[in-house]
Amino acid sequence: MKVSCAQCSVAYDCKTGAYNRAMKAGANLYCSRTCAGLARRAKNPLSEEERKAKKAKYDLERRAIHGDRIRKHKMDAYYANHEEALAKAKIYRKKRMPKHVEYCRQESYKAKKKAYDADRRFKAFGPFEEVARILDQVEKEISSQASRYDIYKAKGYFTRSAIQRRRELWQLIKRN
């Protein structure tokens, strides 16, 4: 039996039983699952934010009720092929390693990584992050203007003997 799709108006073949059931229920008929999905989404009066909020609420309620069962099911699925997945991942990493090494050698990557590492290192100082950055810049400037020999000489490293240094170290240890 030829029927017109309610979404795209294309004529298609439909079984008589399906047509009769739809007419009895007052439902529309669609030529494909794609058209049915488009029609369902077009009828939805909620905005995207409202749909996301509704879905988040549903997920929380479902996890509260069935959380243990969901976690157990996920863990079983994970460990069912865990060794096989690890072996595949290891082969994949080994195959991709030369490309990764080349990527890490690029100057753009080095600059990006240097900035990332500095941000991460200075975040540990919390409210004193900016002070730590300034101190780091000062230390870099000092080391660029003085050689290692000059720094050691200023600290008195070359004017003391090894015995004197050991005695000073033992005195520090005894104090603490």
N, C-alpha and C. Protein backbone atom coordinates (compact mmCIF):
# COMPACT_ATOMS: atom_id res chain seq x y z
N MET A 1 0.85 -1.16 0.00
CA MET A 1 0.00 0.00 0.00
C MET A 1 0.91 1.23 0.00
N LYS A 2 0.64 2.22 -0.86
CA LYS A 2 1.43 3.44 -0.97
C LYS A 2 0.92 4.45 0.05
N VAL A 3 1.88 5.02 0.85
CA VAL A 3 1.54 5.99 1.88
C VAL A 3 2.51 7.16 1.75
N SER A 4 2.07 8.35 2.12
CA SER A 4 2.92 9.53 2.08
C SER A 4 3.56 9.73 3.46
N CYS A 5 4.87 10.00 3.47
CA CYS A 5 5.60 10.23 4.72
C CYS A 5 5.12 11.55 5.34
N ALA A 6 4.90 11.53 6.66
CA ALA A 6 4.42 12.73 7.36
C ALA A 6 5.51 13.80 7.47
N GLN A 7 6.78 13.42 7.32
CA GLN A 7 7.86 14.39 7.46
C GLN A 7 8.29 14.95 6.12
N CYS A 8 8.61 14.07 5.16
CA CYS A 8 9.18 14.55 3.90
C CYS A 8 8.22 14.43 2.71
N SER A 9 7.03 13.91 2.92
CA SER A 9 5.96 13.79 1.91
C SER A 9 6.33 12.90 0.72
N VAL A 10 7.26 11.97 0.89
CA VAL A 10 7.63 11.04 -0.16
C VAL A 10 6.71 9.82 -0.06
N ALA A 11 6.24 9.33 -1.19
CA ALA A 11 5.38 8.14 -1.19
C ALA A 11 6.26 6.91 -1.05
N TYR A 12 5.84 5.97 -0.19
CA TYR A 12 6.61 4.74 0.02
C TYR A 12 5.63 3.60 0.27
N ASP A 13 6.14 2.36 0.17
CA ASP A 13 5.32 1.17 0.41
C ASP A 13 5.23 0.90 1.90
N CYS A 14 4.03 0.67 2.38
CA CYS A 14 3.79 0.41 3.80
C CYS A 14 2.91 -0.83 3.91
N LYS A 15 3.18 -1.66 4.92
CA LYS A 15 2.33 -2.83 5.14
C LYS A 15 0.97 -2.36 5.63
N THR A 16 -0.06 -3.09 5.21
CA THR A 16 -1.43 -2.71 5.56
C THR A 16 -1.64 -2.75 7.06
N GLY A 17 -1.07 -3.76 7.73
CA GLY A 17 -1.21 -3.88 9.18
C GLY A 17 -0.62 -2.69 9.91
N ALA A 18 0.55 -2.24 9.46
CA ALA A 18 1.20 -1.08 10.08
C ALA A 18 0.36 0.17 9.87
N TYR A 19 -0.22 0.30 8.66
CA TYR A 19 -1.06 1.46 8.36
C TYR A 19 -2.30 1.45 9.26
N ASN A 20 -2.95 0.29 9.40
CA ASN A 20 -4.16 0.19 10.22
C ASN A 20 -3.86 0.49 11.69
N ARG A 21 -2.74 -0.03 12.21
CA ARG A 21 -2.37 0.26 13.61
C ARG A 21 -2.15 1.75 13.83
N ALA A 22 -1.45 2.39 12.88
CA ALA A 22 -1.17 3.83 13.02
C ALA A 22 -2.47 4.63 12.97
N MET A 23 -3.37 4.26 12.09
CA MET A 23 -4.63 5.00 11.98
C MET A 23 -5.47 4.82 13.25
N LYS A 24 -5.47 3.62 13.80
CA LYS A 24 -6.24 3.34 15.01
C LYS A 24 -5.67 4.13 16.19
N ALA A 25 -4.34 4.25 16.26
CA ALA A 25 -3.70 4.97 17.35
C ALA A 25 -3.63 6.47 17.09
N GLY A 26 -3.91 6.90 15.87
CA GLY A 26 -3.82 8.32 15.53
C GLY A 26 -2.37 8.77 15.37
N ALA A 27 -1.49 7.85 15.00
CA ALA A 27 -0.06 8.16 14.86
C ALA A 27 0.28 8.46 13.41
N ASN A 28 1.36 9.17 13.21
CA ASN A 28 1.85 9.45 11.87
C ASN A 28 2.71 8.30 11.37
N LEU A 29 2.85 8.18 10.06
CA LEU A 29 3.70 7.18 9.44
C LEU A 29 4.87 7.89 8.75
N TYR A 30 6.07 7.29 8.88
CA TYR A 30 7.27 7.88 8.30
C TYR A 30 7.96 6.87 7.41
N CYS A 31 8.67 7.37 6.40
CA CYS A 31 9.33 6.49 5.43
C CYS A 31 10.59 5.85 6.00
N SER A 32 11.22 6.46 7.00
CA SER A 32 12.45 5.92 7.57
C SER A 32 12.61 6.37 9.02
N ARG A 33 13.58 5.78 9.66
CA ARG A 33 13.87 6.18 11.05
C ARG A 33 14.40 7.61 11.10
N THR A 34 15.08 8.02 10.05
CA THR A 34 15.61 9.38 9.98
C THR A 34 14.47 10.40 10.02
N CYS A 35 13.46 10.16 9.19
CA CYS A 35 12.31 11.08 9.16
C CYS A 35 11.57 11.05 10.49
N ALA A 36 11.44 9.88 11.10
CA ALA A 36 10.76 9.77 12.40
C ALA A 36 11.52 10.57 13.45
N GLY A 37 12.85 10.46 13.45
CA GLY A 37 13.66 11.21 14.40
C GLY A 37 13.57 12.71 14.18
N LEU A 38 13.59 13.13 12.92
CA LEU A 38 13.47 14.56 12.61
C LEU A 38 12.12 15.11 13.06
N ALA A 39 11.08 14.34 12.86
CA ALA A 39 9.74 14.78 13.27
C ALA A 39 9.65 14.86 14.79
N ARG A 40 10.24 13.88 15.47
CA ARG A 40 10.20 13.89 16.93
C ARG A 40 10.96 15.09 17.48
N ARG A 41 12.12 15.39 16.89
CA ARG A 41 12.91 16.53 17.37
C ARG A 41 12.23 17.86 17.05
N ALA A 42 11.53 17.92 15.94
CA ALA A 42 10.85 19.16 15.56
C ALA A 42 9.69 19.45 16.50
N LYS A 43 9.09 18.39 17.07
CA LYS A 43 7.96 18.58 17.98
C LYS A 43 8.40 18.98 19.38
N ASN A 44 9.69 18.80 19.70
CA ASN A 44 10.17 19.05 21.05
C ASN A 44 10.19 20.55 21.34
N PRO A 45 9.38 21.02 22.30
CA PRO A 45 9.30 22.47 22.57
C PRO A 45 10.45 23.00 23.44
N LEU A 46 11.29 22.12 24.00
CA LEU A 46 12.34 22.55 24.91
C LEU A 46 13.56 23.09 24.15
N SER A 47 14.21 24.07 24.74
CA SER A 47 15.45 24.58 24.16
C SER A 47 16.58 23.60 24.47
N GLU A 48 17.72 23.84 23.88
CA GLU A 48 18.85 22.92 24.09
C GLU A 48 19.29 22.90 25.55
N GLU A 49 19.33 24.07 26.20
CA GLU A 49 19.73 24.13 27.60
C GLU A 49 18.73 23.39 28.49
N GLU A 50 17.43 23.55 28.18
CA GLU A 50 16.41 22.87 28.97
C GLU A 50 16.51 21.35 28.80
N ARG A 51 16.78 20.90 27.57
CA ARG A 51 16.93 19.47 27.33
C ARG A 51 18.14 18.92 28.07
N LYS A 52 19.26 19.67 28.06
CA LYS A 52 20.45 19.22 28.77
C LYS A 52 20.21 19.15 30.27
N ALA A 53 19.51 20.15 30.80
CA ALA A 53 19.21 20.15 32.24
C ALA A 53 18.30 18.98 32.59
N LYS A 54 17.30 18.71 31.74
CA LYS A 54 16.39 17.59 31.98
C LYS A 54 17.14 16.27 31.94
N LYS A 55 18.05 16.12 30.99
CA LYS A 55 18.83 14.89 30.86
C LYS A 55 19.76 14.73 32.05
N ALA A 56 20.38 15.81 32.50
CA ALA A 56 21.28 15.74 33.66
C ALA A 56 20.52 15.31 34.90
N LYS A 57 19.33 15.86 35.07
CA LYS A 57 18.49 15.49 36.23
C LYS A 57 18.13 14.00 36.15
N TYR A 58 17.74 13.54 34.97
CA TYR A 58 17.39 12.14 34.77
C TYR A 58 18.58 11.24 35.09
N ASP A 59 19.79 11.62 34.60
CA ASP A 59 20.98 10.82 34.84
C ASP A 59 21.29 10.72 36.34
N LEU A 60 21.16 11.83 37.05
CA LEU A 60 21.41 11.81 38.50
C LEU A 60 20.44 10.89 39.22
N GLU A 61 19.16 10.98 38.85
CA GLU A 61 18.17 10.12 39.49
C GLU A 61 18.44 8.65 39.18
N ARG A 62 18.81 8.38 37.94
CA ARG A 62 19.07 6.99 37.53
C ARG A 62 20.29 6.44 38.25
N ARG A 63 21.34 7.26 38.37
CA ARG A 63 22.53 6.79 39.08
C ARG A 63 22.26 6.58 40.56
N ALA A 64 21.39 7.39 41.14
CA ALA A 64 21.05 7.21 42.55
C ALA A 64 20.35 5.87 42.77
N ILE A 65 19.50 5.48 41.83
CA ILE A 65 18.74 4.24 41.96
C ILE A 65 19.56 3.03 41.53
N HIS A 66 20.20 3.11 40.38
CA HIS A 66 20.87 1.95 39.77
C HIS A 66 22.39 2.11 39.71
N GLY A 67 22.98 2.99 40.52
CA GLY A 67 24.42 3.28 40.42
C GLY A 67 25.30 2.07 40.58
N ASP A 68 25.04 1.24 41.59
CA ASP A 68 25.89 0.06 41.83
C ASP A 68 25.84 -0.89 40.65
N ARG A 69 24.65 -1.12 40.12
CA ARG A 69 24.50 -2.04 38.99
C ARG A 69 25.21 -1.49 37.75
N ILE A 70 25.09 -0.20 37.50
CA ILE A 70 25.73 0.42 36.34
C ILE A 70 27.25 0.32 36.46
N ARG A 71 27.79 0.64 37.66
CA ARG A 71 29.23 0.56 37.87
C ARG A 71 29.74 -0.87 37.70
N LYS A 72 29.01 -1.85 38.24
CA LYS A 72 29.41 -3.25 38.12
C LYS A 72 29.42 -3.67 36.65
N HIS A 73 28.37 -3.27 35.91
CA HIS A 73 28.29 -3.62 34.50
C HIS A 73 29.46 -3.02 33.72
N LYS A 74 29.78 -1.74 34.00
CA LYS A 74 30.89 -1.09 33.32
C LYS A 74 32.22 -1.74 33.66
N MET A 75 32.42 -2.11 34.94
CA MET A 75 33.66 -2.74 35.36
C MET A 75 33.81 -4.12 34.72
N ASP A 76 32.73 -4.87 34.66
CA ASP A 76 32.78 -6.19 34.02
C ASP A 76 33.13 -6.04 32.54
N ALA A 77 32.54 -5.08 31.87
CA ALA A 77 32.82 -4.86 30.45
C ALA A 77 34.27 -4.43 30.26
N TYR A 78 34.79 -3.61 31.17
CA TYR A 78 36.18 -3.15 31.08
C TYR A 78 37.15 -4.31 31.23
N TYR A 79 36.94 -5.15 32.24
CA TYR A 79 37.87 -6.23 32.49
C TYR A 79 37.66 -7.42 31.57
N ALA A 80 36.56 -7.48 30.83
CA ALA A 80 36.32 -8.59 29.92
C ALA A 80 37.37 -8.63 28.82
N ASN A 81 37.79 -7.48 28.33
CA ASN A 81 38.81 -7.45 27.27
C ASN A 81 39.95 -6.51 27.62
N HIS A 82 40.26 -6.41 28.90
CA HIS A 82 41.27 -5.48 29.38
C HIS A 82 42.66 -5.82 28.83
N GLU A 83 43.07 -7.08 28.92
CA GLU A 83 44.40 -7.47 28.47
C GLU A 83 44.56 -7.26 26.96
N GLU A 84 43.52 -7.61 26.23
CA GLU A 84 43.55 -7.44 24.77
C GLU A 84 43.66 -5.96 24.40
N ALA A 85 42.90 -5.12 25.11
CA ALA A 85 42.95 -3.68 24.83
C ALA A 85 44.32 -3.10 25.16
N LEU A 86 44.92 -3.56 26.26
CA LEU A 86 46.26 -3.08 26.61
C LEU A 86 47.28 -3.47 25.55
N ALA A 87 47.17 -4.69 25.05
CA ALA A 87 48.11 -5.14 24.02
C ALA A 87 47.95 -4.31 22.75
N LYS A 88 46.70 -4.03 22.35
CA LYS A 88 46.46 -3.21 21.16
C LYS A 88 47.01 -1.80 21.36
N ALA A 89 46.79 -1.24 22.55
CA ALA A 89 47.26 0.12 22.83
C ALA A 89 48.78 0.18 22.78
N LYS A 90 49.43 -0.86 23.29
CA LYS A 90 50.89 -0.89 23.28
C LYS A 90 51.43 -0.93 21.86
N ILE A 91 50.81 -1.73 21.01
CA ILE A 91 51.22 -1.82 19.60
C ILE A 91 51.00 -0.49 18.91
N TYR A 92 49.86 0.15 19.19
CA TYR A 92 49.54 1.43 18.57
C TYR A 92 50.54 2.51 18.98
N ARG A 93 50.87 2.55 20.28
CA ARG A 93 51.83 3.54 20.76
C ARG A 93 53.20 3.34 20.12
N LYS A 94 53.61 2.08 20.01
CA LYS A 94 54.91 1.78 19.42
C LYS A 94 54.96 2.20 17.96
N LYS A 95 53.84 2.01 17.26
CA LYS A 95 53.77 2.38 15.85
C LYS A 95 53.79 3.90 15.67
N ARG A 96 53.15 4.63 16.58
CA ARG A 96 53.04 6.08 16.46
C ARG A 96 54.21 6.84 17.09
N MET A 97 55.09 6.16 17.81
CA MET A 97 56.16 6.84 18.53
C MET A 97 57.04 7.71 17.65
N PRO A 98 57.49 7.27 16.47
CA PRO A 98 58.33 8.17 15.65
C PRO A 98 57.63 9.48 15.29
N LYS A 99 56.35 9.42 15.00
CA LYS A 99 55.62 10.65 14.69
C LYS A 99 55.52 11.55 15.90
N HIS A 100 55.35 10.95 17.07
CA HIS A 100 55.27 11.74 18.30
C HIS A 100 56.61 12.42 18.58
N VAL A 101 57.68 11.70 18.37
CA VAL A 101 59.01 12.27 18.60
C VAL A 101 59.25 13.45 17.67
N GLU A 102 58.87 13.31 16.40
CA GLU A 102 59.01 14.42 15.45
C GLU A 102 58.17 15.61 15.88
N TYR A 103 56.97 15.36 16.36
CA TYR A 103 56.09 16.43 16.82
C TYR A 103 56.72 17.17 18.00
N CYS A 104 57.32 16.41 18.92
CA CYS A 104 57.93 17.03 20.10
C CYS A 104 59.17 17.84 19.76
N ARG A 105 59.78 17.60 18.62
CA ARG A 105 60.98 18.34 18.22
C ARG A 105 60.66 19.67 17.55
N GLN A 106 59.42 19.93 17.24
CA GLN A 106 59.06 21.18 16.57
C GLN A 106 59.22 22.36 17.52
N GLU A 107 59.66 23.47 16.98
CA GLU A 107 59.86 24.67 17.80
C GLU A 107 58.54 25.18 18.38
N SER A 108 57.46 25.09 17.60
CA SER A 108 56.17 25.56 18.10
C SER A 108 55.72 24.74 19.30
N TYR A 109 55.97 23.42 19.26
CA TYR A 109 55.61 22.57 20.39
C TYR A 109 56.47 22.90 21.60
N LYS A 110 57.75 23.10 21.38
CA LYS A 110 58.64 23.41 22.50
C LYS A 110 58.21 24.69 23.21
N ALA A 111 57.83 25.71 22.44
CA ALA A 111 57.39 26.97 23.04
C ALA A 111 56.10 26.77 23.81
N LYS A 112 55.17 26.04 23.21
CA LYS A 112 53.88 25.79 23.87
C LYS A 112 54.09 24.98 25.15
N LYS A 113 54.95 23.97 25.10
CA LYS A 113 55.21 23.12 26.26
C LYS A 113 55.91 23.90 27.36
N LYS A 114 56.82 24.78 26.99
CA LYS A 114 57.53 25.58 27.98
C LYS A 114 56.54 26.49 28.73
N ALA A 115 55.62 27.11 27.98
CA ALA A 115 54.61 27.98 28.62
C ALA A 115 53.68 27.16 29.50
N TYR A 116 53.29 25.99 29.03
CA TYR A 116 52.40 25.12 29.81
C TYR A 116 53.06 24.69 31.12
N ASP A 117 54.33 24.26 31.03
CA ASP A 117 55.04 23.82 32.22
C ASP A 117 55.21 24.95 33.23
N ALA A 118 55.51 26.16 32.73
CA ALA A 118 55.66 27.31 33.62
C ALA A 118 54.34 27.61 34.32
N ASP A 119 53.24 27.61 33.56
CA ASP A 119 51.93 27.86 34.17
C ASP A 119 51.63 26.84 35.26
N ARG A 120 51.90 25.60 34.96
CA ARG A 120 51.61 24.54 35.93
C ARG A 120 52.50 24.67 37.17
N ARG A 121 53.79 24.99 36.97
CA ARG A 121 54.72 25.12 38.08
C ARG A 121 54.33 26.30 38.98
N PHE A 122 53.94 27.42 38.38
CA PHE A 122 53.64 28.60 39.18
C PHE A 122 52.26 28.56 39.83
N LYS A 123 51.36 27.74 39.33
CA LYS A 123 50.02 27.62 39.94
C LYS A 123 50.14 27.05 41.36
N ALA A 124 51.21 26.31 41.63
CA ALA A 124 51.41 25.71 42.95
C ALA A 124 51.62 26.77 44.03
N PHE A 125 51.99 27.99 43.63
CA PHE A 125 52.25 29.05 44.60
C PHE A 125 50.97 29.78 45.03
N GLY A 126 49.86 29.43 44.41
CA GLY A 126 48.56 30.00 44.79
C GLY A 126 48.53 31.50 44.62
N PRO A 127 48.25 32.24 45.73
CA PRO A 127 48.14 33.70 45.62
C PRO A 127 49.47 34.39 45.30
N PHE A 128 50.58 33.67 45.46
CA PHE A 128 51.89 34.25 45.20
C PHE A 128 52.41 33.85 43.82
N GLU A 129 51.52 33.46 42.95
CA GLU A 129 51.90 33.01 41.60
C GLU A 129 52.66 34.09 40.85
N GLU A 130 52.16 35.30 40.87
CA GLU A 130 52.80 36.39 40.14
C GLU A 130 54.19 36.71 40.70
N VAL A 131 54.33 36.64 42.03
CA VAL A 131 55.62 36.88 42.67
C VAL A 131 56.62 35.81 42.23
N ALA A 132 56.18 34.56 42.17
CA ALA A 132 57.07 33.47 41.76
C ALA A 132 57.52 33.66 40.31
N ARG A 133 56.62 34.14 39.47
CA ARG A 133 56.99 34.39 38.07
C ARG A 133 58.06 35.48 37.97
N ILE A 134 57.88 36.54 38.73
CA ILE A 134 58.85 37.65 38.71
C ILE A 134 60.20 37.17 39.24
N LEU A 135 60.19 36.41 40.34
CA LEU A 135 61.43 35.89 40.91
C LEU A 135 62.14 34.99 39.91
N ASP A 136 61.40 34.18 39.19
CA ASP A 136 62.00 33.30 38.17
C ASP A 136 62.67 34.13 37.08
N GLN A 137 62.02 35.21 36.66
CA GLN A 137 62.61 36.08 35.64
C GLN A 137 63.89 36.74 36.15
N VAL A 138 63.88 37.17 37.42
CA VAL A 138 65.07 37.79 38.02
C VAL A 138 66.22 36.79 38.07
N GLU A 139 65.92 35.55 38.50
CA GLU A 139 66.96 34.53 38.58
C GLU A 139 67.54 34.21 37.20
N LYS A 140 66.69 34.18 36.20
CA LYS A 140 67.18 33.94 34.84
C LYS A 140 68.09 35.07 34.37
N GLU A 141 67.71 36.30 34.71
CA GLU A 141 68.53 37.46 34.32
C GLU A 141 69.88 37.42 35.02
N ILE A 142 69.88 37.07 36.30
CA ILE A 142 71.14 36.97 37.05
C ILE A 142 72.05 35.91 36.44
N SER A 143 71.46 34.74 36.18
CA SER A 143 72.29 33.65 35.64
C SER A 143 72.76 33.94 34.22
N SER A 144 72.03 34.78 33.48
CA SER A 144 72.49 35.12 32.13
C SER A 144 73.65 36.11 32.17
N GLN A 145 73.77 36.87 33.27
CA GLN A 145 74.84 37.87 33.37
C GLN A 145 76.05 37.37 34.14
N ALA A 146 75.90 36.30 34.90
CA ALA A 146 77.02 35.77 35.69
C ALA A 146 77.25 34.31 35.32
N SER A 147 78.53 33.95 35.26
CA SER A 147 78.84 32.56 34.97
C SER A 147 78.69 31.74 36.25
N ARG A 148 78.72 30.44 36.10
CA ARG A 148 78.62 29.56 37.25
C ARG A 148 79.82 29.78 38.19
N TYR A 149 80.96 30.00 37.61
CA TYR A 149 82.16 30.26 38.41
C TYR A 149 81.97 31.51 39.27
N ASP A 150 81.40 32.58 38.69
CA ASP A 150 81.17 33.82 39.44
C ASP A 150 80.19 33.60 40.58
N ILE A 151 79.16 32.83 40.32
CA ILE A 151 78.16 32.57 41.36
C ILE A 151 78.78 31.77 42.50
N TYR A 152 79.55 30.72 42.17
CA TYR A 152 80.20 29.92 43.20
C TYR A 152 81.19 30.76 44.01
N LYS A 153 81.92 31.62 43.31
CA LYS A 153 82.92 32.45 43.98
C LYS A 153 82.23 33.42 44.95
N ALA A 154 81.08 33.98 44.53
CA ALA A 154 80.34 34.89 45.40
C ALA A 154 79.80 34.16 46.64
N LYS A 155 79.48 32.90 46.50
CA LYS A 155 79.00 32.12 47.64
C LYS A 155 80.14 31.66 48.54
N GLY A 156 81.38 31.86 48.11
CA GLY A 156 82.52 31.45 48.91
C GLY A 156 82.87 30.00 48.73
N TYR A 157 82.42 29.39 47.67
CA TYR A 157 82.64 27.97 47.46
C TYR A 157 84.12 27.65 47.26
N PHE A 158 84.85 28.51 46.55
CA PHE A 158 86.24 28.24 46.24
C PHE A 158 87.19 28.72 47.32
N THR A 159 86.73 29.51 48.27
CA THR A 159 87.62 30.03 49.31
C THR A 159 87.66 29.12 50.52
N ARG A 160 86.74 28.20 50.63
CA ARG A 160 86.74 27.28 51.77
C ARG A 160 87.28 25.93 51.32
N SER A 161 87.87 25.24 52.23
CA SER A 161 88.37 23.91 51.90
C SER A 161 87.25 22.90 52.06
N ALA A 162 87.48 21.70 51.59
CA ALA A 162 86.48 20.64 51.69
C ALA A 162 86.20 20.32 53.16
N ILE A 163 87.23 20.38 53.97
CA ILE A 163 87.06 20.09 55.41
C ILE A 163 86.15 21.14 56.04
N GLN A 164 86.38 22.43 55.71
CA GLN A 164 85.53 23.49 56.26
C GLN A 164 84.07 23.29 55.85
N ARG A 165 83.87 22.93 54.59
CA ARG A 165 82.49 22.71 54.13
C ARG A 165 81.83 21.56 54.88
N ARG A 166 82.59 20.46 55.12
CA ARG A 166 82.03 19.33 55.86
C ARG A 166 81.70 19.73 57.29
N ARG A 167 82.55 20.50 57.93
CA ARG A 167 82.29 20.95 59.30
C ARG A 167 81.03 21.81 59.35
N GLU A 168 80.89 22.72 58.38
CA GLU A 168 79.69 23.57 58.34
C GLU A 168 78.43 22.72 58.14
N LEU A 169 78.54 21.72 57.31
CA LEU A 169 77.40 20.85 57.05
C LEU A 169 77.01 20.09 58.34
N TRP A 170 78.03 19.56 59.07
CA TRP A 170 77.73 18.84 60.31
C TRP A 170 77.13 19.76 61.36
N GLN A 171 77.58 20.99 61.41
CA GLN A 171 77.02 21.92 62.37
C GLN A 171 75.55 22.20 62.04
N LEU A 172 75.23 22.34 60.76
CA LEU A 172 73.83 22.53 60.36
C LEU A 172 72.98 21.32 60.76
N ILE A 173 73.51 20.14 60.56
CA ILE A 173 72.77 18.91 60.89
C ILE A 173 72.54 18.82 62.39
N LYS A 174 73.56 19.14 63.19
CA LYS A 174 73.45 19.07 64.65
C LYS A 174 72.40 20.07 65.17
N ARG A 175 72.33 21.25 64.57
CA ARG A 175 71.36 22.28 64.98
C ARG A 175 69.94 21.82 64.75
N ASN A 176 69.71 21.12 63.68
CA ASN A 176 68.34 20.68 63.32
C ASN A 176 68.07 19.38 64.00
